[in-house]
C-alpha atoms as a PDB file:
ATOM      1  CA  UNK A   1       0.076   0.117  -0.164  1.00  0.00           C
ATOM      2  CA  UNK A   2       1.544   3.542  -1.049  1.00  0.00           C
ATOM      3  CA  UNK A   3       1.919   5.324   2.175  1.00  0.00           C
ATOM      4  CA  UNK A   4      -0.177   8.713   2.308  1.00  0.00           C
ATOM      5  CA  UNK A   5       2.709  11.326   2.690  1.00  0.00           C
ATOM      6  CA  UNK A   6       0.541  14.286   3.535  1.00  0.00           C
ATOM      7  CA  UNK A   7      -2.713  14.490   5.257  1.00  0.00           C
ATOM      8  CA  UNK A   8      -5.093  17.724   4.463  1.00  0.00           C
ATOM      9  CA  UNK A   9      -8.548  19.013   5.767  1.00  0.00           C
ATOM     10  CA  UNK A  10     -10.226  22.397   5.294  1.00  0.00           C
ATOM     11  CA  UNK A  11     -12.495  24.033   7.895  1.00  0.00           C
ATOM     12  CA  UNK A  12     -13.512  27.510   8.408  1.00  0.00           C
ATOM     13  CA  UNK A  13     -11.330  28.735   5.617  1.00  0.00           C
ATOM     14  CA  UNK A  14      -8.266  27.165   7.090  1.00  0.00           C
ATOM     15  CA  UNK A  15      -6.505  24.308   5.411  1.00  0.00           C
ATOM     16  CA  UNK A  16      -4.737  22.058   7.850  1.00  0.00           C
ATOM     17  CA  UNK A  17      -1.396  20.236   6.015  1.00  0.00           C
ATOM     18  CA  UNK A  18      -0.074  17.463   8.181  1.00  0.00           C
ATOM     19  CA  UNK A  19       3.386  15.711   6.966  1.00  0.00           C
ATOM     20  CA  UNK A  20       2.937  11.889   7.655  1.00  0.00           C
ATOM     21  CA  UNK A  21       6.174  10.086   8.230  1.00  0.00           C
ATOM     22  CA  UNK A  22       5.671   9.796  11.671  1.00  0.00           C
ATOM     23  CA  UNK A  23       8.284   6.975  12.190  1.00  0.00           C
ATOM     24  CA  UNK A  24      10.643   8.989  10.459  1.00  0.00           C
ATOM     25  CA  UNK A  25       9.675  12.251  12.549  1.00  0.00           C
ATOM     26  CA  UNK A  26       8.662  13.445   9.277  1.00  0.00           C
ATOM     27  CA  UNK A  27      12.020  13.468   7.600  1.00  0.00           C
ATOM     28  CA  UNK A  28      11.959  15.345   4.368  1.00  0.00           C
ATOM     29  CA  UNK A  29      12.536  12.973   1.358  1.00  0.00           C
ATOM     30  CA  UNK A  30      11.892  14.065  -2.400  1.00  0.00           C
ATOM     31  CA  UNK A  31       8.593  12.013  -2.400  1.00  0.00           C
ATOM     32  CA  UNK A  32       7.372  14.126   0.744  1.00  0.00           C
ATOM     33  CA  UNK A  33       8.319  17.502  -0.356  1.00  0.00           C
ATOM     34  CA  UNK A  34       6.843  16.831  -3.806  1.00  0.00           C
ATOM     35  CA  UNK A  35       3.559  15.908  -2.335  1.00  0.00           C
ATOM     36  CA  UNK A  36       3.699  18.794   0.196  1.00  0.00           C
ATOM     37  CA  UNK A  37       4.143  21.069  -2.794  1.00  0.00           C
ATOM     38  CA  UNK A  38       1.446  19.625  -5.014  1.00  0.00           C
ATOM     39  CA  UNK A  39      -0.830  20.070  -1.874  1.00  0.00           C
ATOM     40  CA  UNK A  40       0.113  23.182  -1.257  1.00  0.00           C
ATOM     41  CA  UNK A  41      -0.377  24.143  -5.091  1.00  0.00           C
ATOM     42  CA  UNK A  42      -4.093  22.671  -5.048  1.00  0.00           C
ATOM     43  CA  UNK A  43      -4.804  24.628  -1.573  1.00  0.00           C
ATOM     44  CA  UNK A  44      -3.567  28.148  -3.379  1.00  0.00           C
ATOM     45  CA  UNK A  45      -6.240  27.768  -6.010  1.00  0.00           C
ATOM     46  CA  UNK A  46      -9.007  26.721  -3.807  1.00  0.00           C
ATOM     47  CA  UNK A  47     -11.373  29.470  -3.200  1.00  0.00           C
ATOM     48  CA  UNK A  48     -12.841  27.708  -0.001  1.00  0.00           C
ATOM     49  CA  UNK A  49      -9.137  28.343   1.687  1.00  0.00           C
ATOM     50  CA  UNK A  50      -7.890  31.599   3.093  1.00  0.00           C
ATOM     51  CA  UNK A  51      -5.176  30.504   4.987  1.00  0.00           C
ATOM     52  CA  UNK A  52      -2.945  27.380   5.366  1.00  0.00           C
ATOM     53  CA  UNK A  53      -1.288  25.631   8.697  1.00  0.00           C
ATOM     54  CA  UNK A  54       1.714  23.389   8.169  1.00  0.00           C
ATOM     55  CA  UNK A  55       2.463  20.987  10.685  1.00  0.00           C
ATOM     56  CA  UNK A  56       4.107  17.704  11.760  1.00  0.00           C
ATOM     57  CA  UNK A  57       3.228  16.359  15.055  1.00  0.00           C
ATOM     58  CA  UNK A  58       4.069  16.920  18.658  1.00  0.00           C
ATOM     59  CA  UNK A  59       7.093  15.071  18.657  1.00  0.00           C
ATOM     60  CA  UNK A  60       8.732  16.865  15.655  1.00  0.00           C
ATOM     61  CA  UNK A  61       7.861  19.358  12.997  1.00  0.00           C
ATOM     62  CA  UNK A  62      10.520  17.576  10.872  1.00  0.00           C
ATOM     63  CA  UNK A  63      13.554  16.459  12.023  1.00  0.00           C
ATOM     64  CA  UNK A  64      15.884  17.204   8.953  1.00  0.00           C
ATOM     65  CA  UNK A  65      16.480  15.730   5.492  1.00  0.00           C
ATOM     66  CA  UNK A  66      16.238  11.696   4.655  1.00  0.00           C
ATOM     67  CA  UNK A  67      20.069  11.100   4.951  1.00  0.00           C
ATOM     68  CA  UNK A  68      19.424   7.716   3.434  1.00  0.00           C
ATOM     69  CA  UNK A  69      18.021   9.202   0.291  1.00  0.00           C
ATOM     70  CA  UNK A  70      21.446  10.906  -0.554  1.00  0.00           C
ATOM     71  CA  UNK A  71      24.493   9.403   1.733  1.00  0.00           C
ATOM     72  CA  UNK A  72      25.852   7.810  -1.191  1.00  0.00           C
ATOM     73  CA  UNK A  73      25.129  10.560  -4.217  1.00  0.00           C
ATOM     74  CA  UNK A  74      28.147  12.073  -5.778  1.00  0.00           C
ATOM     75  CA  UNK A  75      28.070  15.737  -6.266  1.00  0.00           C
ATOM     76  CA  UNK A  76      27.372  15.149  -9.932  1.00  0.00           C
ATOM     77  CA  UNK A  77      24.393  13.246  -8.942  1.00  0.00           C
ATOM     78  CA  UNK A  78      23.089  15.631  -6.162  1.00  0.00           C
ATOM     79  CA  UNK A  79      23.469  18.378  -9.291  1.00  0.00           C
ATOM     80  CA  UNK A  80      21.398  16.204 -11.334  1.00  0.00           C
ATOM     81  CA  UNK A  81      18.775  15.105  -9.251  1.00  0.00           C
ATOM     82  CA  UNK A  82      18.551  18.427  -7.205  1.00  0.00           C
ATOM     83  CA  UNK A  83      16.710  17.091  -4.400  1.00  0.00           C
ATOM     84  CA  UNK A  84      16.355  20.650  -3.178  1.00  0.00           C
ATOM     85  CA  UNK A  85      14.869  22.111  -6.269  1.00  0.00           C
ATOM     86  CA  UNK A  86      11.034  21.429  -4.994  1.00  0.00           C
ATOM     87  CA  UNK A  87      11.243  23.479  -2.116  1.00  0.00           C
ATOM     88  CA  UNK A  88      11.887  26.735  -4.450  1.00  0.00           C
ATOM     89  CA  UNK A  89       7.511  26.025  -5.005  1.00  0.00           C
ATOM     90  CA  UNK A  90       6.843  27.501  -1.605  1.00  0.00           C
ATOM     91  CA  UNK A  91       7.995  30.589  -2.696  1.00  0.00           C
ATOM     92  CA  UNK A  92       5.156  30.760  -5.427  1.00  0.00           C
ATOM     93  CA  UNK A  93       2.479  30.046  -2.934  1.00  0.00           C
ATOM     94  CA  UNK A  94       0.113  33.431  -2.680  1.00  0.00           C
ATOM     95  CA  UNK A  95      -1.922  32.570   0.142  1.00  0.00           C
ATOM     96  CA  UNK A  96      -0.634  32.658   3.877  1.00  0.00           C
ATOM     97  CA  UNK A  97       1.336  29.631   5.502  1.00  0.00           C
ATOM     98  CA  UNK A  98       2.035  29.298   8.969  1.00  0.00           C
ATOM     99  CA  UNK A  99       4.036  27.007  10.432  1.00  0.00           C
ATOM    100  CA  UNK A 100       2.773  24.935  13.640  1.00  0.00           C
ATOM    101  CA  UNK A 101       6.070  23.612  14.997  1.00  0.00           C
ATOM    102  CA  UNK A 102       6.536  21.392  18.020  1.00  0.00           C
ATOM    103  CA  UNK A 103       9.352  19.362  19.078  1.00  0.00           C
ATOM    104  CA  UNK A 104      12.496  18.887  16.630  1.00  0.00           C
ATOM    105  CA  UNK A 105      12.748  21.306  13.556  1.00  0.00           C
ATOM    106  CA  UNK A 106      16.052  20.659  12.428  1.00  0.00           C
ATOM    107  CA  UNK A 107      17.902  20.959   8.840  1.00  0.00           C
ATOM    108  CA  UNK A 108      15.264  20.925   6.122  1.00  0.00           C
ATOM    109  CA  UNK A 109      12.659  20.910   8.754  1.00  0.00           C
ATOM    110  CA  UNK A 110      13.907  24.268   9.833  1.00  0.00           C
ATOM    111  CA  UNK A 111      14.440  25.407   6.225  1.00  0.00           C
ATOM    112  CA  UNK A 112      10.669  24.385   5.696  1.00  0.00           C
ATOM    113  CA  UNK A 113       9.488  26.271   8.527  1.00  0.00           C
ATOM    114  CA  UNK A 114      11.393  29.339   7.385  1.00  0.00           C
ATOM    115  CA  UNK A 115       9.945  29.280   3.927  1.00  0.00           C
ATOM    116  CA  UNK A 116       6.584  29.784   5.537  1.00  0.00           C
ATOM    117  CA  UNK A 117       5.312  33.150   6.402  1.00  0.00           C
ATOM    118  CA  UNK A 118       4.591  32.917   9.943  1.00  0.00           C
ATOM    119  CA  UNK A 119       6.174  30.379  12.935  1.00  0.00           C
ATOM    120  CA  UNK A 120       3.757  29.276  15.721  1.00  0.00           C
ATOM    121  CA  UNK A 121       5.736  27.407  18.163  1.00  0.00           C
ATOM    122  CA  UNK A 122       5.196  25.101  21.281  1.00  0.00           C
ATOM    123  CA  UNK A 123       7.040  25.388  24.181  1.00  0.00           C
ATOM    124  CA  UNK A 124       8.901  22.103  23.269  1.00  0.00           C
ATOM    125  CA  UNK A 125       9.968  23.355  20.018  1.00  0.00           C
ATOM    126  CA  UNK A 126      13.805  23.150  18.938  1.00  0.00           C
ATOM    127  CA  UNK A 127      15.275  24.863  16.109  1.00  0.00           C
ATOM    128  CA  UNK A 128      18.534  24.045  14.466  1.00  0.00           C
ATOM    129  CA  UNK A 129      20.695  23.389  11.554  1.00  0.00           C
ATOM    130  CA  UNK A 130      23.161  20.335  12.337  1.00  0.00           C
ATOM    131  CA  UNK A 131      24.067  19.600   8.849  1.00  0.00           C
ATOM    132  CA  UNK A 132      27.596  20.315  10.110  1.00  0.00           C
ATOM    133  CA  UNK A 133      27.546  17.026  11.980  1.00  0.00           C
ATOM    134  CA  UNK A 134      27.314  15.263   8.631  1.00  0.00           C
ATOM    135  CA  UNK A 135      30.402  16.977   6.956  1.00  0.00           C
ATOM    136  CA  UNK A 136      28.089  19.386   4.985  1.00  0.00           C
ATOM    137  CA  UNK A 137      25.919  22.514   5.259  1.00  0.00           C
ATOM    138  CA  UNK A 138      22.204  23.995   4.764  1.00  0.00           C
ATOM    139  CA  UNK A 139      21.424  23.551   1.214  1.00  0.00           C
ATOM    140  CA  UNK A 140      17.610  24.581   0.930  1.00  0.00           C
ATOM    141  CA  UNK A 141      17.885  28.239   2.047  1.00  0.00           C
ATOM    142  CA  UNK A 142      18.947  27.702   5.711  1.00  0.00           C
ATOM    143  CA  UNK A 143      21.991  30.297   5.561  1.00  0.00           C
ATOM    144  CA  UNK A 144      19.980  32.697   3.894  1.00  0.00           C
ATOM    145  CA  UNK A 145      16.779  32.960   5.862  1.00  0.00           C
ATOM    146  CA  UNK A 146      18.484  31.956   9.145  1.00  0.00           C
ATOM    147  CA  UNK A 147      20.972  35.202   9.236  1.00  0.00           C
ATOM    148  CA  UNK A 148      18.458  37.347   7.772  1.00  0.00           C
ATOM    149  CA  UNK A 149      16.091  36.122  10.895  1.00  0.00           C
ATOM    150  CA  UNK A 150      18.344  35.800  13.633  1.00  0.00           C
ATOM    151  CA  UNK A 151      21.378  37.791  12.687  1.00  0.00           C
ATOM    152  CA  UNK A 152      24.953  36.841  11.618  1.00  0.00           C
ATOM    153  CA  UNK A 153      26.354  35.921  15.097  1.00  0.00           C
ATOM    154  CA  UNK A 154      23.667  33.301  16.168  1.00  0.00           C
ATOM    155  CA  UNK A 155      23.185  31.966  12.388  1.00  0.00           C
ATOM    156  CA  UNK A 156      27.084  31.448  12.421  1.00  0.00           C
ATOM    157  CA  UNK A 157      27.025  29.203  15.752  1.00  0.00           C
ATOM    158  CA  UNK A 158      23.971  27.342  14.575  1.00  0.00           C
ATOM    159  CA  UNK A 159      25.599  26.535  11.121  1.00  0.00           C
ATOM    160  CA  UNK A 160      28.973  26.082  12.211  1.00  0.00           C
ATOM    161  CA  UNK A 161      28.798  24.604  15.680  1.00  0.00           C
ATOM    162  CA  UNK A 162      25.137  22.825  15.588  1.00  0.00           C
ATOM    163  CA  UNK A 163      23.792  25.453  18.256  1.00  0.00           C
ATOM    164  CA  UNK A 164      19.970  24.615  19.035  1.00  0.00           C
ATOM    165  CA  UNK A 165      17.456  27.370  19.880  1.00  0.00           C
ATOM    166  CA  UNK A 166      14.856  26.584  22.339  1.00  0.00           C
ATOM    167  CA  UNK A 167      11.227  28.116  21.583  1.00  0.00           C
ATOM    168  CA  UNK A 168      11.901  31.266  23.950  1.00  0.00           C
ATOM    169  CA  UNK A 169      15.413  31.901  22.142  1.00  0.00           C
ATOM    170  CA  UNK A 170      13.799  31.790  18.701  1.00  0.00           C
ATOM    171  CA  UNK A 171      11.039  33.904  19.906  1.00  0.00           C
ATOM    172  CA  UNK A 172      13.822  36.281  21.461  1.00  0.00           C
ATOM    173  CA  UNK A 173      15.901  36.236  18.073  1.00  0.00           C
ATOM    174  CA  UNK A 174      12.862  36.616  15.945  1.00  0.00           C
ATOM    175  CA  UNK A 175      12.961  33.531  14.341  1.00  0.00           C
ATOM    176  CA  UNK A 176       9.072  32.348  15.368  1.00  0.00           C
ATOM    177  CA  UNK A 177       6.138  35.025  16.140  1.00  0.00           C
ATOM    178  CA  UNK A 178       4.902  33.643  19.077  1.00  0.00           C
ATOM    179  CA  UNK A 179       5.367  30.495  21.781  1.00  0.00           C
ATOM    180  CA  UNK A 180       2.648  28.624  23.421  1.00  0.00           C
ATOM    181  CA  UNK A 181       2.093  25.749  25.738  1.00  0.00           C
ATOM    182  CA  UNK A 182       2.376  22.368  23.777  1.00  0.00           C
ATOM    183  CA  UNK A 183      -1.315  21.208  24.206  1.00  0.00           C
ATOM    184  CA  UNK A 184      -2.107  24.683  22.421  1.00  0.00           C
ATOM    185  CA  UNK A 185       0.372  25.247  19.567  1.00  0.00           C
ATOM    186  CA  UNK A 186      -1.885  23.723  16.846  1.00  0.00           C
ATOM    187  CA  UNK A 187      -4.834  25.400  18.152  1.00  0.00           C
ATOM    188  CA  UNK A 188      -3.156  28.757  18.500  1.00  0.00           C
ATOM    189  CA  UNK A 189      -1.788  28.328  14.779  1.00  0.00           C
ATOM    190  CA  UNK A 190      -5.379  27.407  13.787  1.00  0.00           C
ATOM    191  CA  UNK A 191      -6.951  30.414  15.124  1.00  0.00           C
ATOM    192  CA  UNK A 192      -4.322  32.900  13.896  1.00  0.00           C
ATOM    193  CA  UNK A 193      -4.758  31.194  10.368  1.00  0.00           C
ATOM    194  CA  UNK A 194      -8.765  31.547  10.825  1.00  0.00           C
ATOM    195  CA  UNK A 195      -8.498  35.493  11.792  1.00  0.00           C
ATOM    196  CA  UNK A 196      -6.081  35.918   8.677  1.00  0.00           C
ATOM    197  CA  UNK A 197      -8.465  34.132   6.304  1.00  0.00           C
ATOM    198  CA  UNK A 198     -11.220  36.547   6.865  1.00  0.00           C
ATOM    199  CA  UNK A 199      -9.133  39.489   5.368  1.00  0.00           C
ATOM    200  CA  UNK A 200      -9.409  40.888   2.003  1.00  0.00           C
ATOM    201  CA  UNK A 201      -7.782  37.964  -0.295  1.00  0.00           C
ATOM    202  CA  UNK A 202      -6.384  40.093  -2.967  1.00  0.00           C
ATOM    203  CA  UNK A 203      -4.652  42.495  -0.584  1.00  0.00           C
ATOM    204  CA  UNK A 204      -3.355  39.525   1.669  1.00  0.00           C
ATOM    205  CA  UNK A 205      -1.490  38.232  -1.397  1.00  0.00           C
ATOM    206  CA  UNK A 206      -0.148  41.722  -2.463  1.00  0.00           C
ATOM    207  CA  UNK A 207       1.011  42.218   1.419  1.00  0.00           C
ATOM    208  CA  UNK A 208       2.840  38.804   1.564  1.00  0.00           C
ATOM    209  CA  UNK A 209       4.376  39.270  -1.721  1.00  0.00           C
ATOM    210  CA  UNK A 210       5.508  42.774  -0.791  1.00  0.00           C
ATOM    211  CA  UNK A 211       6.927  41.690   2.461  1.00  0.00           C
ATOM    212  CA  UNK A 212       9.025  38.761   1.049  1.00  0.00           C
ATOM    213  CA  UNK A 213      10.480  41.087  -1.646  1.00  0.00           C
ATOM    214  CA  UNK A 214      11.548  43.259   1.369  1.00  0.00           C
ATOM    215  CA  UNK A 215      14.255  40.785   2.016  1.00  0.00           C
ATOM    216  CA  UNK A 216      15.426  39.757  -1.696  1.00  0.00           C
ATOM    217  CA  UNK A 217      15.844  43.795  -2.891  1.00  0.00           C
ATOM    218  CA  UNK A 218      17.034  46.910  -2.406  1.00  0.00           C
ATOM    219  CA  UNK A 219      14.970  49.398  -0.474  1.00  0.00           C
ATOM    220  CA  UNK A 220      14.093  52.125  -3.304  1.00  0.00           C
ATOM    221  CA  UNK A 221      12.896  48.934  -5.634  1.00  0.00           C
ATOM    222  CA  UNK A 222      10.864  47.433  -2.845  1.00  0.00           C
ATOM    223  CA  UNK A 223       9.099  50.694  -1.870  1.00  0.00           C
ATOM    224  CA  UNK A 224       8.313  51.028  -5.900  1.00  0.00           C
ATOM    225  CA  UNK A 225       6.850  47.559  -6.225  1.00  0.00           C
ATOM    226  CA  UNK A 226       5.139  48.469  -2.925  1.00  0.00           C
ATOM    227  CA  UNK A 227       3.329  51.311  -4.066  1.00  0.00           C
ATOM    228  CA  UNK A 228       2.666  49.980  -7.498  1.00  0.00           C
ATOM    229  CA  UNK A 229       0.620  47.145  -5.881  1.00  0.00           C
ATOM    230  CA  UNK A 230      -0.946  49.331  -3.443  1.00  0.00           C
ATOM    231  CA  UNK A 231      -2.444  51.727  -6.298  1.00  0.00           C
ATOM    232  CA  UNK A 232      -3.278  48.687  -8.311  1.00  0.00           C
ATOM    233  CA  UNK A 233      -5.541  47.238  -5.505  1.00  0.00           C
ATOM    234  CA  UNK A 234      -7.801  50.327  -5.872  1.00  0.00           C
ATOM    235  CA  UNK A 235      -9.080  48.617  -8.848  1.00  0.00           C
ATOM    236  CA  UNK A 236     -10.699  45.768  -6.858  1.00  0.00           C
ATOM    237  CA  UNK A 237     -14.131  45.039  -5.485  1.00  0.00           C
ATOM    238  CA  UNK A 238     -12.817  44.495  -2.217  1.00  0.00           C
ATOM    239  CA  UNK A 239     -10.968  47.957  -1.904  1.00  0.00           C
ATOM    240  CA  UNK A 240     -14.298  49.610  -3.041  1.00  0.00           C
ATOM    241  CA  UNK A 241     -16.078  47.498  -0.321  1.00  0.00           C
ATOM    242  CA  UNK A 242     -13.569  47.646   2.478  1.00  0.00           C
ATOM    243  CA  UNK A 243     -13.589  51.228   2.434  1.00  0.00           C
ATOM    244  CA  UNK A 244     -17.243  51.470   1.788  1.00  0.00           C
ATOM    245  CA  UNK A 245     -17.631  49.250   4.642  1.00  0.00           C
ATOM    246  CA  UNK A 246     -15.453  51.207   6.697  1.00  0.00           C
ATOM    247  CA  UNK A 247     -17.632  54.529   6.290  1.00  0.00           C
ATOM    248  CA  UNK A 248     -20.919  52.595   7.019  1.00  0.00           C
ATOM    249  CA  UNK A 249     -19.381  51.069  10.201  1.00  0.00           C
ATOM    250  CA  UNK A 250     -19.812  47.642   9.214  1.00  0.00           C
ATOM    251  CA  UNK A 251     -18.252  44.419   8.476  1.00  0.00           C
ATOM    252  CA  UNK A 252     -16.902  43.910   5.146  1.00  0.00           C
ATOM    253  CA  UNK A 253     -18.100  41.170   2.703  1.00  0.00           C
ATOM    254  CA  UNK A 254     -14.937  40.363   0.677  1.00  0.00           C
ATOM    255  CA  UNK A 255     -15.195  38.776  -2.858  1.00  0.00           C
ATOM    256  CA  UNK A 256     -11.484  38.214  -3.549  1.00  0.00           C
ATOM    257  CA  UNK A 257     -12.071  40.364  -6.864  1.00  0.00           C
END
């Protein structure tokens, strides 16, 4: 029987996506990553979904990449197969993706969490990039996103000396958005996603894109793009409805148009 690598459910405008390799602590092999990105693509096009929560289980969000899949590969084979390429697809998801992290979040798992837009962590969450113990380094954006999130000093320790951050440390350094008790981490992530899902869909997509661009471009270029997106939203029904509802002191009814 084929293993179901990804489990999804939709409720109240929120899609819950679960990594499903519990015996391997959701280690990220190519099949799992491709299945995940396929699922995210489908949900991104689903009008019944306003936001997405991505999680593993209480023990682990994802404990890293599947080492067995690559341990005997040569450099040429790694370049040709490009196991990491599917990670890039998450950048094209327009809807907000919230990582709900409990337990171990290491290596590729941490890189996956950092690829999401918001991270809600349980008090048991531990974040790290332990690739140095295997004679390699992060390869799915870890050195770049981690440095932007926590700064050079902490990132260097994590990448070069396997420093692991507790949930509270991750909050302190800006890696996660909030820390909650273990029994509430998924509930908190879903509640946050549900709240975001009530917002204007087109403005959500434009805002997410603009914030991500701030990490990728010069300030002047980012401001120019932001302004263009801001003005373009004035051609939407949602902008008209949102401002009209504000003036009439009522709740807006978004159409996503």
